[in-house]
Amino acid sequence: MNTATQIRLGMRSSTCPVTHSPSPNVTRSFGADFHISYNPRSSAYGSDTTAIVLQERVFFVLNGDHAEALCTASAEHGVKGCIDYFAENITRANDKSEHLMAAGLHSDPFNLLPTTLEVIGQEGVDRIAVAVQAELSADLGQS
């Protein structure tokens, strides 16, 4: 993401509170419940990534730069728009994304489901579950 796009989208950089060094991520908050975060570095996730972050504790991570699409989805439809976008792009979910735990589809040792339900509701959780099941079915059909 270039600087002009970052400014146009209202994405801002921050400083890491522990090291006081610049964070690699740029973020845009949509209230207390969620924000969009873009990380141009590939070292931690294998590629640049964009995350929908719920209450600073649940991370739905997509490979690539999806910041513009997610900011637009949020502006037009709130968190529901972001969840719909994530579900429509489930094949781009990063392996480290927490969506499987947060939707109750995998073991949830961090107890992410209650936060997820609070922010996106049962409808959002179900939307992600349906998208994951469709992806798994498509993968089985190709085997």
N, C-alpha and C. Protein backbone atom coordinates (compact mmCIF):
# COMPACT_ATOMS: atom_id res chain seq x y z
N MET A 1 0.86 -1.17 0.00
CA MET A 1 0.00 0.00 0.00
C MET A 1 0.90 1.23 0.00
N ASN A 2 0.65 2.12 -0.92
CA ASN A 2 1.47 3.33 -0.96
C ASN A 2 0.93 4.36 0.04
N THR A 3 1.72 5.38 0.29
CA THR A 3 1.37 6.39 1.29
C THR A 3 0.09 7.13 0.94
N ALA A 4 -0.12 7.44 -0.33
CA ALA A 4 -1.33 8.15 -0.74
C ALA A 4 -2.57 7.32 -0.43
N THR A 5 -2.52 6.02 -0.70
CA THR A 5 -3.65 5.14 -0.40
C THR A 5 -3.85 5.06 1.11
N GLN A 6 -2.77 4.93 1.84
CA GLN A 6 -2.84 4.87 3.30
C GLN A 6 -3.56 6.10 3.85
N ILE A 7 -3.19 7.27 3.37
CA ILE A 7 -3.81 8.52 3.83
C ILE A 7 -5.28 8.58 3.42
N ARG A 8 -5.57 8.23 2.17
CA ARG A 8 -6.95 8.26 1.66
C ARG A 8 -7.87 7.35 2.47
N LEU A 9 -7.34 6.19 2.88
CA LEU A 9 -8.14 5.24 3.64
C LEU A 9 -8.23 5.57 5.14
N GLY A 10 -7.43 6.54 5.57
CA GLY A 10 -7.42 6.88 6.98
C GLY A 10 -6.62 5.90 7.82
N MET A 11 -5.72 5.17 7.18
CA MET A 11 -4.88 4.20 7.88
C MET A 11 -3.74 4.97 8.56
N ARG A 12 -3.43 4.59 9.78
CA ARG A 12 -2.39 5.29 10.54
C ARG A 12 -1.38 4.30 11.10
N SER A 13 -0.15 4.76 11.20
CA SER A 13 0.88 3.94 11.84
C SER A 13 0.91 4.28 13.33
N SER A 14 1.57 3.43 14.09
CA SER A 14 1.66 3.66 15.53
C SER A 14 3.04 3.22 16.01
N THR A 15 3.27 3.41 17.28
CA THR A 15 4.52 3.01 17.91
C THR A 15 4.25 1.85 18.84
N CYS A 16 5.13 0.87 18.82
CA CYS A 16 5.02 -0.28 19.73
C CYS A 16 5.22 0.22 21.15
N PRO A 17 4.28 -0.05 22.07
CA PRO A 17 4.39 0.49 23.42
C PRO A 17 5.59 -0.06 24.20
N VAL A 18 6.07 -1.24 23.88
CA VAL A 18 7.17 -1.83 24.63
C VAL A 18 8.52 -1.33 24.13
N THR A 19 8.73 -1.36 22.80
CA THR A 19 10.03 -1.00 22.24
C THR A 19 10.12 0.46 21.80
N HIS A 20 8.99 1.13 21.72
CA HIS A 20 8.91 2.51 21.26
C HIS A 20 9.42 2.67 19.82
N SER A 21 9.41 1.58 19.08
CA SER A 21 9.79 1.64 17.67
C SER A 21 8.53 1.63 16.82
N PRO A 22 8.62 2.13 15.59
CA PRO A 22 7.43 2.16 14.73
C PRO A 22 6.90 0.75 14.45
N SER A 23 5.61 0.60 14.53
CA SER A 23 4.98 -0.67 14.19
C SER A 23 4.96 -0.82 12.67
N PRO A 24 5.14 -2.04 12.17
CA PRO A 24 5.07 -2.21 10.72
C PRO A 24 3.64 -2.07 10.19
N ASN A 25 2.66 -2.26 11.05
CA ASN A 25 1.26 -2.22 10.63
C ASN A 25 0.75 -0.80 10.52
N VAL A 26 -0.21 -0.62 9.61
CA VAL A 26 -1.03 0.59 9.60
C VAL A 26 -2.46 0.13 9.87
N THR A 27 -3.19 0.93 10.62
CA THR A 27 -4.52 0.51 11.05
C THR A 27 -5.54 1.63 10.87
N ARG A 28 -6.79 1.21 10.83
CA ARG A 28 -7.91 2.15 10.87
C ARG A 28 -8.96 1.57 11.80
N SER A 29 -9.31 2.34 12.79
CA SER A 29 -10.29 1.91 13.77
C SER A 29 -11.70 2.24 13.30
N PHE A 30 -12.61 1.33 13.60
CA PHE A 30 -14.03 1.54 13.33
C PHE A 30 -14.79 1.42 14.64
N GLY A 31 -14.38 2.21 15.62
CA GLY A 31 -14.99 2.17 16.94
C GLY A 31 -14.22 1.23 17.86
N ALA A 32 -14.79 0.99 19.01
CA ALA A 32 -14.11 0.17 20.02
C ALA A 32 -14.10 -1.32 19.69
N ASP A 33 -15.01 -1.75 18.82
CA ASP A 33 -15.17 -3.19 18.60
C ASP A 33 -14.23 -3.79 17.56
N PHE A 34 -13.79 -3.02 16.55
CA PHE A 34 -12.91 -3.63 15.56
C PHE A 34 -12.11 -2.60 14.79
N HIS A 35 -11.02 -3.08 14.21
CA HIS A 35 -10.22 -2.26 13.31
C HIS A 35 -9.65 -3.12 12.20
N ILE A 36 -9.18 -2.45 11.16
CA ILE A 36 -8.52 -3.11 10.04
C ILE A 36 -7.03 -2.83 10.18
N SER A 37 -6.22 -3.85 9.99
CA SER A 37 -4.77 -3.72 10.11
C SER A 37 -4.09 -4.30 8.88
N TYR A 38 -3.21 -3.52 8.27
CA TYR A 38 -2.43 -4.00 7.13
C TYR A 38 -0.97 -4.08 7.54
N ASN A 39 -0.35 -5.24 7.29
CA ASN A 39 1.07 -5.45 7.59
C ASN A 39 1.79 -5.76 6.29
N PRO A 40 2.65 -4.85 5.81
CA PRO A 40 3.34 -5.08 4.55
C PRO A 40 4.48 -6.08 4.63
N ARG A 41 4.87 -6.46 5.83
CA ARG A 41 5.99 -7.39 5.98
C ARG A 41 5.53 -8.83 5.86
N SER A 42 6.39 -9.66 5.32
CA SER A 42 6.03 -11.07 5.13
C SER A 42 6.68 -11.99 6.15
N SER A 43 7.52 -11.47 7.02
CA SER A 43 8.31 -12.33 7.91
C SER A 43 7.45 -13.17 8.86
N ALA A 44 6.42 -12.63 9.42
CA ALA A 44 5.61 -13.36 10.40
C ALA A 44 4.55 -14.25 9.78
N TYR A 45 4.02 -13.87 8.62
CA TYR A 45 2.88 -14.57 8.04
C TYR A 45 3.13 -15.16 6.67
N GLY A 46 4.31 -14.97 6.11
CA GLY A 46 4.63 -15.54 4.80
C GLY A 46 4.28 -14.64 3.63
N SER A 47 3.52 -13.59 3.87
CA SER A 47 3.20 -12.60 2.85
C SER A 47 2.70 -11.35 3.57
N ASP A 48 2.45 -10.30 2.82
CA ASP A 48 1.78 -9.17 3.44
C ASP A 48 0.38 -9.63 3.81
N THR A 49 -0.20 -9.05 4.83
CA THR A 49 -1.50 -9.50 5.32
C THR A 49 -2.38 -8.32 5.73
N THR A 50 -3.68 -8.58 5.70
CA THR A 50 -4.66 -7.64 6.20
C THR A 50 -5.53 -8.38 7.19
N ALA A 51 -5.77 -7.76 8.34
CA ALA A 51 -6.56 -8.42 9.38
C ALA A 51 -7.75 -7.58 9.79
N ILE A 52 -8.83 -8.29 10.09
CA ILE A 52 -9.96 -7.71 10.80
C ILE A 52 -9.70 -8.08 12.26
N VAL A 53 -9.56 -7.09 13.12
CA VAL A 53 -9.20 -7.33 14.51
C VAL A 53 -10.39 -6.97 15.39
N LEU A 54 -10.91 -7.98 16.10
CA LEU A 54 -12.07 -7.78 16.96
C LEU A 54 -11.62 -7.54 18.40
N GLN A 55 -11.98 -6.40 18.95
CA GLN A 55 -11.67 -6.00 20.32
C GLN A 55 -10.22 -6.28 20.72
N GLU A 56 -9.30 -6.06 19.81
CA GLU A 56 -7.87 -6.21 20.06
C GLU A 56 -7.45 -7.63 20.44
N ARG A 57 -8.34 -8.63 20.23
CA ARG A 57 -7.95 -9.98 20.64
C ARG A 57 -8.26 -11.10 19.66
N VAL A 58 -9.06 -10.87 18.66
CA VAL A 58 -9.38 -11.90 17.68
C VAL A 58 -8.96 -11.39 16.31
N PHE A 59 -8.16 -12.20 15.60
CA PHE A 59 -7.58 -11.77 14.33
C PHE A 59 -8.03 -12.67 13.19
N PHE A 60 -8.80 -12.10 12.26
CA PHE A 60 -9.18 -12.78 11.02
C PHE A 60 -8.22 -12.24 9.96
N VAL A 61 -7.29 -13.08 9.50
CA VAL A 61 -6.17 -12.62 8.69
C VAL A 61 -6.27 -13.15 7.26
N LEU A 62 -6.17 -12.24 6.30
CA LEU A 62 -6.14 -12.58 4.88
C LEU A 62 -4.76 -12.29 4.32
N ASN A 63 -4.28 -13.17 3.45
CA ASN A 63 -3.03 -12.91 2.74
C ASN A 63 -3.26 -11.80 1.73
N GLY A 64 -2.33 -10.86 1.64
CA GLY A 64 -2.42 -9.79 0.66
C GLY A 64 -2.99 -8.51 1.23
N ASP A 65 -3.07 -7.51 0.38
CA ASP A 65 -3.57 -6.19 0.76
C ASP A 65 -5.06 -6.09 0.44
N HIS A 66 -5.87 -6.18 1.47
CA HIS A 66 -7.32 -6.07 1.35
C HIS A 66 -7.86 -4.85 2.09
N ALA A 67 -6.95 -3.95 2.46
CA ALA A 67 -7.34 -2.81 3.30
C ALA A 67 -8.41 -1.94 2.64
N GLU A 68 -8.24 -1.62 1.37
CA GLU A 68 -9.21 -0.75 0.72
C GLU A 68 -10.58 -1.40 0.66
N ALA A 69 -10.63 -2.66 0.28
CA ALA A 69 -11.92 -3.36 0.20
C ALA A 69 -12.57 -3.47 1.58
N LEU A 70 -11.78 -3.76 2.60
CA LEU A 70 -12.34 -3.90 3.95
C LEU A 70 -12.78 -2.55 4.52
N CYS A 71 -12.01 -1.50 4.27
CA CYS A 71 -12.43 -0.17 4.74
C CYS A 71 -13.73 0.25 4.06
N THR A 72 -13.85 -0.04 2.77
CA THR A 72 -15.08 0.27 2.04
C THR A 72 -16.24 -0.55 2.59
N ALA A 73 -16.01 -1.85 2.79
CA ALA A 73 -17.06 -2.73 3.34
C ALA A 73 -17.51 -2.24 4.70
N SER A 74 -16.58 -1.82 5.52
CA SER A 74 -16.92 -1.33 6.85
C SER A 74 -17.70 -0.03 6.78
N ALA A 75 -17.25 0.89 5.92
CA ALA A 75 -17.94 2.17 5.79
C ALA A 75 -19.38 1.98 5.32
N GLU A 76 -19.59 0.99 4.45
CA GLU A 76 -20.93 0.78 3.88
C GLU A 76 -21.82 -0.13 4.73
N HIS A 77 -21.22 -1.13 5.40
CA HIS A 77 -22.04 -2.13 6.10
C HIS A 77 -21.52 -2.51 7.48
N GLY A 78 -20.56 -1.77 8.01
CA GLY A 78 -20.03 -2.06 9.34
C GLY A 78 -19.29 -3.39 9.38
N VAL A 79 -19.21 -3.95 10.57
CA VAL A 79 -18.46 -5.20 10.74
C VAL A 79 -19.06 -6.33 9.90
N LYS A 80 -20.37 -6.30 9.68
CA LYS A 80 -21.00 -7.32 8.84
C LYS A 80 -20.41 -7.33 7.44
N GLY A 81 -20.17 -6.14 6.87
CA GLY A 81 -19.56 -6.05 5.56
C GLY A 81 -18.17 -6.66 5.54
N CYS A 82 -17.42 -6.45 6.61
CA CYS A 82 -16.08 -7.03 6.70
C CYS A 82 -16.14 -8.55 6.80
N ILE A 83 -17.07 -9.05 7.58
CA ILE A 83 -17.20 -10.51 7.73
C ILE A 83 -17.66 -11.12 6.41
N ASP A 84 -18.57 -10.47 5.73
CA ASP A 84 -18.99 -10.96 4.41
C ASP A 84 -17.80 -11.00 3.45
N TYR A 85 -16.98 -9.95 3.46
CA TYR A 85 -15.80 -9.91 2.59
C TYR A 85 -14.83 -11.03 2.96
N PHE A 86 -14.60 -11.22 4.25
CA PHE A 86 -13.70 -12.29 4.70
C PHE A 86 -14.23 -13.65 4.22
N ALA A 87 -15.51 -13.89 4.41
CA ALA A 87 -16.10 -15.17 3.99
C ALA A 87 -15.99 -15.37 2.48
N GLU A 88 -16.21 -14.30 1.72
CA GLU A 88 -16.10 -14.39 0.26
C GLU A 88 -14.67 -14.64 -0.21
N ASN A 89 -13.71 -14.33 0.65
CA ASN A 89 -12.29 -14.50 0.32
C ASN A 89 -11.62 -15.53 1.23
N ILE A 90 -12.40 -16.47 1.72
CA ILE A 90 -11.91 -17.46 2.68
C ILE A 90 -10.72 -18.25 2.14
N THR A 91 -10.62 -18.41 0.85
CA THR A 91 -9.49 -19.15 0.27
C THR A 91 -8.18 -18.39 0.45
N ARG A 92 -8.25 -17.12 0.79
CA ARG A 92 -7.05 -16.31 1.02
C ARG A 92 -6.72 -16.18 2.50
N ALA A 93 -7.46 -16.88 3.36
CA ALA A 93 -7.19 -16.79 4.79
C ALA A 93 -5.79 -17.32 5.09
N ASN A 94 -5.08 -16.59 5.92
CA ASN A 94 -3.75 -16.99 6.32
C ASN A 94 -3.84 -18.17 7.30
N ASP A 95 -2.86 -19.05 7.25
CA ASP A 95 -2.85 -20.22 8.14
C ASP A 95 -2.86 -19.83 9.62
N LYS A 96 -2.39 -18.64 9.94
CA LYS A 96 -2.36 -18.19 11.33
C LYS A 96 -3.61 -17.41 11.73
N SER A 97 -4.54 -17.26 10.82
CA SER A 97 -5.79 -16.58 11.14
C SER A 97 -6.52 -17.36 12.22
N GLU A 98 -7.21 -16.65 13.08
CA GLU A 98 -7.92 -17.28 14.20
C GLU A 98 -9.39 -17.54 13.90
N HIS A 99 -9.80 -17.43 12.65
CA HIS A 99 -11.23 -17.57 12.33
C HIS A 99 -11.78 -18.95 12.65
N LEU A 100 -10.97 -20.00 12.53
CA LEU A 100 -11.47 -21.34 12.83
C LEU A 100 -11.75 -21.51 14.32
N MET A 101 -10.85 -21.01 15.15
CA MET A 101 -11.08 -21.06 16.60
C MET A 101 -12.25 -20.15 16.98
N ALA A 102 -12.25 -18.95 16.43
CA ALA A 102 -13.23 -17.94 16.80
C ALA A 102 -14.65 -18.33 16.38
N ALA A 103 -14.76 -19.18 15.37
CA ALA A 103 -16.09 -19.63 14.92
C ALA A 103 -16.46 -20.99 15.51
N GLY A 104 -15.63 -21.49 16.41
CA GLY A 104 -15.94 -22.77 17.07
C GLY A 104 -15.70 -23.98 16.19
N LEU A 105 -14.88 -23.83 15.14
CA LEU A 105 -14.63 -24.93 14.21
C LEU A 105 -13.36 -25.72 14.56
N HIS A 106 -12.52 -25.15 15.39
CA HIS A 106 -11.32 -25.82 15.91
C HIS A 106 -11.26 -25.58 17.40
N SER A 107 -10.40 -26.29 18.06
CA SER A 107 -10.18 -26.07 19.48
C SER A 107 -9.91 -24.58 19.73
N ASP A 108 -10.47 -24.05 20.80
CA ASP A 108 -10.40 -22.62 21.09
C ASP A 108 -9.75 -22.39 22.46
N PRO A 109 -8.44 -22.66 22.58
CA PRO A 109 -7.79 -22.54 23.89
C PRO A 109 -7.75 -21.10 24.42
N PHE A 110 -7.93 -20.12 23.55
CA PHE A 110 -7.88 -18.72 23.97
C PHE A 110 -9.27 -18.14 24.26
N ASN A 111 -10.30 -18.98 24.13
CA ASN A 111 -11.68 -18.57 24.40
C ASN A 111 -12.07 -17.35 23.56
N LEU A 112 -11.85 -17.47 22.25
CA LEU A 112 -12.12 -16.38 21.32
C LEU A 112 -13.60 -16.28 20.92
N LEU A 113 -14.31 -17.40 20.99
CA LEU A 113 -15.70 -17.43 20.53
C LEU A 113 -16.58 -16.40 21.23
N PRO A 114 -16.52 -16.23 22.58
CA PRO A 114 -17.40 -15.22 23.19
C PRO A 114 -17.17 -13.80 22.67
N THR A 115 -15.91 -13.43 22.46
CA THR A 115 -15.63 -12.10 21.91
C THR A 115 -16.18 -11.99 20.49
N THR A 116 -15.96 -13.05 19.72
CA THR A 116 -16.44 -13.07 18.34
C THR A 116 -17.96 -12.92 18.29
N LEU A 117 -18.65 -13.67 19.13
CA LEU A 117 -20.11 -13.56 19.18
C LEU A 117 -20.57 -12.17 19.59
N GLU A 118 -19.86 -11.57 20.52
CA GLU A 118 -20.22 -10.24 20.98
C GLU A 118 -20.10 -9.20 19.86
N VAL A 119 -19.07 -9.34 19.04
CA VAL A 119 -18.82 -8.33 18.01
C VAL A 119 -19.57 -8.62 16.71
N ILE A 120 -19.55 -9.87 16.24
CA ILE A 120 -20.16 -10.15 14.92
C ILE A 120 -21.47 -10.93 15.02
N GLY A 121 -21.80 -11.42 16.20
CA GLY A 121 -23.06 -12.13 16.39
C GLY A 121 -23.04 -13.54 15.80
N GLN A 122 -24.08 -14.29 16.12
CA GLN A 122 -24.19 -15.65 15.63
C GLN A 122 -24.26 -15.70 14.11
N GLU A 123 -24.92 -14.72 13.51
CA GLU A 123 -25.03 -14.68 12.05
C GLU A 123 -23.64 -14.59 11.40
N GLY A 124 -22.76 -13.77 11.96
CA GLY A 124 -21.40 -13.65 11.43
C GLY A 124 -20.60 -14.92 11.61
N VAL A 125 -20.74 -15.55 12.78
CA VAL A 125 -20.05 -16.82 13.04
C VAL A 125 -20.54 -17.87 12.05
N ASP A 126 -21.85 -17.93 11.85
CA ASP A 126 -22.41 -18.89 10.90
C ASP A 126 -21.93 -18.61 9.48
N ARG A 127 -21.80 -17.35 9.11
CA ARG A 127 -21.33 -16.98 7.76
C ARG A 127 -19.91 -17.52 7.53
N ILE A 128 -19.07 -17.39 8.52
CA ILE A 128 -17.70 -17.90 8.41
C ILE A 128 -17.70 -19.42 8.35
N ALA A 129 -18.51 -20.06 9.19
CA ALA A 129 -18.58 -21.52 9.21
C ALA A 129 -19.04 -22.07 7.86
N VAL A 130 -20.03 -21.45 7.26
CA VAL A 130 -20.52 -21.89 5.94
C VAL A 130 -19.42 -21.72 4.89
N ALA A 131 -18.70 -20.60 4.95
CA ALA A 131 -17.62 -20.37 3.97
C ALA A 131 -16.51 -21.41 4.12
N VAL A 132 -16.17 -21.73 5.36
CA VAL A 132 -15.12 -22.74 5.61
C VAL A 132 -15.58 -24.10 5.09
N GLN A 133 -16.82 -24.46 5.37
CA GLN A 133 -17.34 -25.75 4.90
C GLN A 133 -17.35 -25.81 3.37
N ALA A 134 -17.72 -24.72 2.73
CA ALA A 134 -17.73 -24.68 1.25
C ALA A 134 -16.31 -24.84 0.72
N GLU A 135 -15.34 -24.20 1.37
CA GLU A 135 -13.95 -24.33 0.94
C GLU A 135 -13.47 -25.77 1.10
N LEU A 136 -13.80 -26.38 2.22
CA LEU A 136 -13.40 -27.78 2.45
C LEU A 136 -14.04 -28.71 1.43
N SER A 137 -15.31 -28.47 1.11
CA SER A 137 -15.99 -29.29 0.12
C SER A 137 -15.36 -29.13 -1.25
N ALA A 138 -15.01 -27.90 -1.60
CA ALA A 138 -14.35 -27.65 -2.88
C ALA A 138 -12.98 -28.33 -2.93
N ASP A 139 -12.25 -28.27 -1.82
CA ASP A 139 -10.93 -28.92 -1.77
C ASP A 139 -11.08 -30.45 -1.91
N LEU A 140 -12.09 -31.02 -1.29
CA LEU A 140 -12.30 -32.47 -1.41
C LEU A 140 -12.69 -32.86 -2.83
N GLY A 141 -13.46 -31.99 -3.49
CA GLY A 141 -13.88 -32.25 -4.86
C GLY A 141 -12.72 -32.23 -5.84
N GLN A 142 -11.65 -31.49 -5.48
CA GLN A 142 -10.49 -31.41 -6.36
C GLN A 142 -9.49 -32.53 -6.10
N SER A 143 -9.65 -33.23 -5.02
CA SER A 143 -8.69 -34.31 -4.68
C SER A 143 -8.90 -35.54 -5.52
